[in-house]
Amino acid sequence: VLRDDFRQPPADVVVAVGEPAVLECVPPRGHPEPSVSWKKDGAWLSDEDERLTIRGGKLMLASTRKSDAGVYVCVATNVVGERDSEPAELVVF
């Protein structure tokens, strides 16, 4: 089972260059409990980038750069399938 509604979709975030940014997402209820991953501008994010941490539904950027600006989508996945959240924009000024 994977329900349609995200319990908390990510919200738009505005930060200054060098500041940390956090995008939060609480995935839909599901059985088994869905895992959360993130896409930026349609491409999967990898937590191999040392500035980036994905923990639970949170995407944390330690020190934002201009290049981090873009549209982020939270993706909930379990054996049944995957659901994309509404997009959230990260604005870096």
Protein backbone atom coordinates (compact mmCIF):
# COMPACT_ATOMS: atom_id res chain seq x y z
CA VAL A 1 0.00 0.00 0.00
CA LEU A 2 1.19 3.53 -0.78
CA ARG A 3 -1.28 6.33 -0.16
CA ASP A 4 -1.49 9.35 -2.44
CA ASP A 5 -1.05 12.20 -0.02
CA PHE A 6 2.24 13.30 1.41
CA ARG A 7 1.78 14.01 5.10
CA GLN A 8 4.05 17.02 4.63
CA PRO A 9 5.17 18.05 1.15
CA PRO A 10 8.34 20.14 0.91
CA ALA A 11 7.91 23.92 1.02
CA ASP A 12 9.79 26.60 -0.90
CA VAL A 13 12.97 27.77 0.83
CA VAL A 14 14.91 31.01 0.37
CA VAL A 15 18.48 31.23 1.71
CA ALA A 16 21.61 33.32 1.21
CA VAL A 17 24.72 31.77 -0.33
CA GLY A 18 26.69 29.89 2.32
CA GLU A 19 23.72 29.37 4.64
CA PRO A 20 22.37 25.90 5.39
CA ALA A 21 19.08 24.92 3.76
CA VAL A 22 16.61 22.26 4.88
CA LEU A 23 13.80 20.84 2.80
CA GLU A 24 11.43 18.67 4.80
CA CYS A 25 9.12 15.99 3.54
CA VAL A 26 6.92 13.51 5.36
CA PRO A 27 6.01 10.74 2.91
CA PRO A 28 2.56 9.19 2.55
CA ARG A 29 1.73 6.33 4.85
CA GLY A 30 2.51 3.01 3.28
CA HIS A 31 3.09 -0.64 3.99
CA PRO A 32 5.98 -1.26 4.01
CA GLU A 33 6.94 2.23 5.19
CA PRO A 34 8.21 4.13 2.14
CA SER A 35 11.79 5.35 1.87
CA VAL A 36 12.44 8.92 0.79
CA SER A 37 14.79 10.13 -1.91
CA TRP A 38 15.07 13.49 -3.65
CA LYS A 39 15.28 14.84 -7.16
CA LYS A 40 16.56 18.25 -8.18
CA ASP A 41 15.41 19.58 -11.54
CA GLY A 42 14.39 16.03 -12.48
CA ALA A 43 17.75 14.38 -11.61
CA TRP A 44 18.25 12.05 -8.63
CA LEU A 45 20.34 13.52 -5.81
CA SER A 46 23.12 11.45 -4.36
CA ASP A 47 24.27 11.86 -0.78
CA GLU A 48 27.83 11.26 -2.00
CA ASP A 49 28.03 15.07 -2.09
CA GLU A 50 29.50 15.79 1.34
CA ARG A 51 27.48 19.00 1.69
CA LEU A 52 24.25 17.07 1.32
CA THR A 53 22.55 14.92 3.96
CA ILE A 54 19.34 12.96 3.51
CA ARG A 55 17.96 11.76 6.83
CA GLY A 56 14.39 10.57 7.19
CA GLY A 57 12.44 12.93 4.99
CA LYS A 58 14.87 15.83 5.42
CA LEU A 59 17.22 17.07 2.76
CA MET A 60 19.93 19.20 4.35
CA LEU A 61 22.47 21.29 2.46
CA ALA A 62 25.33 22.33 4.72
CA SER A 63 26.45 25.39 2.80
CA THR A 64 24.34 26.44 -0.15
CA ARG A 65 25.80 27.55 -3.46
CA LYS A 66 24.13 29.37 -6.32
CA SER A 67 24.15 26.05 -8.18
CA ASP A 68 21.91 24.48 -5.49
CA ALA A 69 19.01 26.68 -6.56
CA GLY A 70 16.32 24.78 -8.41
CA VAL A 71 13.17 22.73 -8.10
CA TYR A 72 13.24 19.83 -5.64
CA VAL A 73 10.83 16.90 -5.47
CA CYS A 74 10.55 14.40 -2.63
CA VAL A 75 10.02 10.83 -3.87
CA ALA A 76 8.47 8.17 -1.62
CA THR A 77 9.22 4.60 -2.70
CA ASN A 78 8.19 1.17 -1.49
CA VAL A 79 7.58 -2.20 -3.15
CA VAL A 80 4.22 -0.99 -4.51
CA GLY A 81 5.69 1.93 -6.42
CA GLU A 82 6.71 5.52 -6.03
CA ARG A 83 5.03 8.87 -5.56
CA ASP A 84 6.41 12.32 -6.26
CA SER A 85 5.57 15.23 -3.97
CA GLU A 86 4.56 18.64 -5.21
CA PRO A 87 7.71 20.50 -6.27
CA ALA A 88 9.42 22.97 -3.92
CA GLU A 89 11.78 25.69 -5.05
CA LEU A 90 15.10 26.47 -3.40
CA VAL A 91 16.08 30.07 -4.05
CA VAL A 92 19.69 31.06 -3.29
CA PHE A 93 20.54 34.76 -3.28
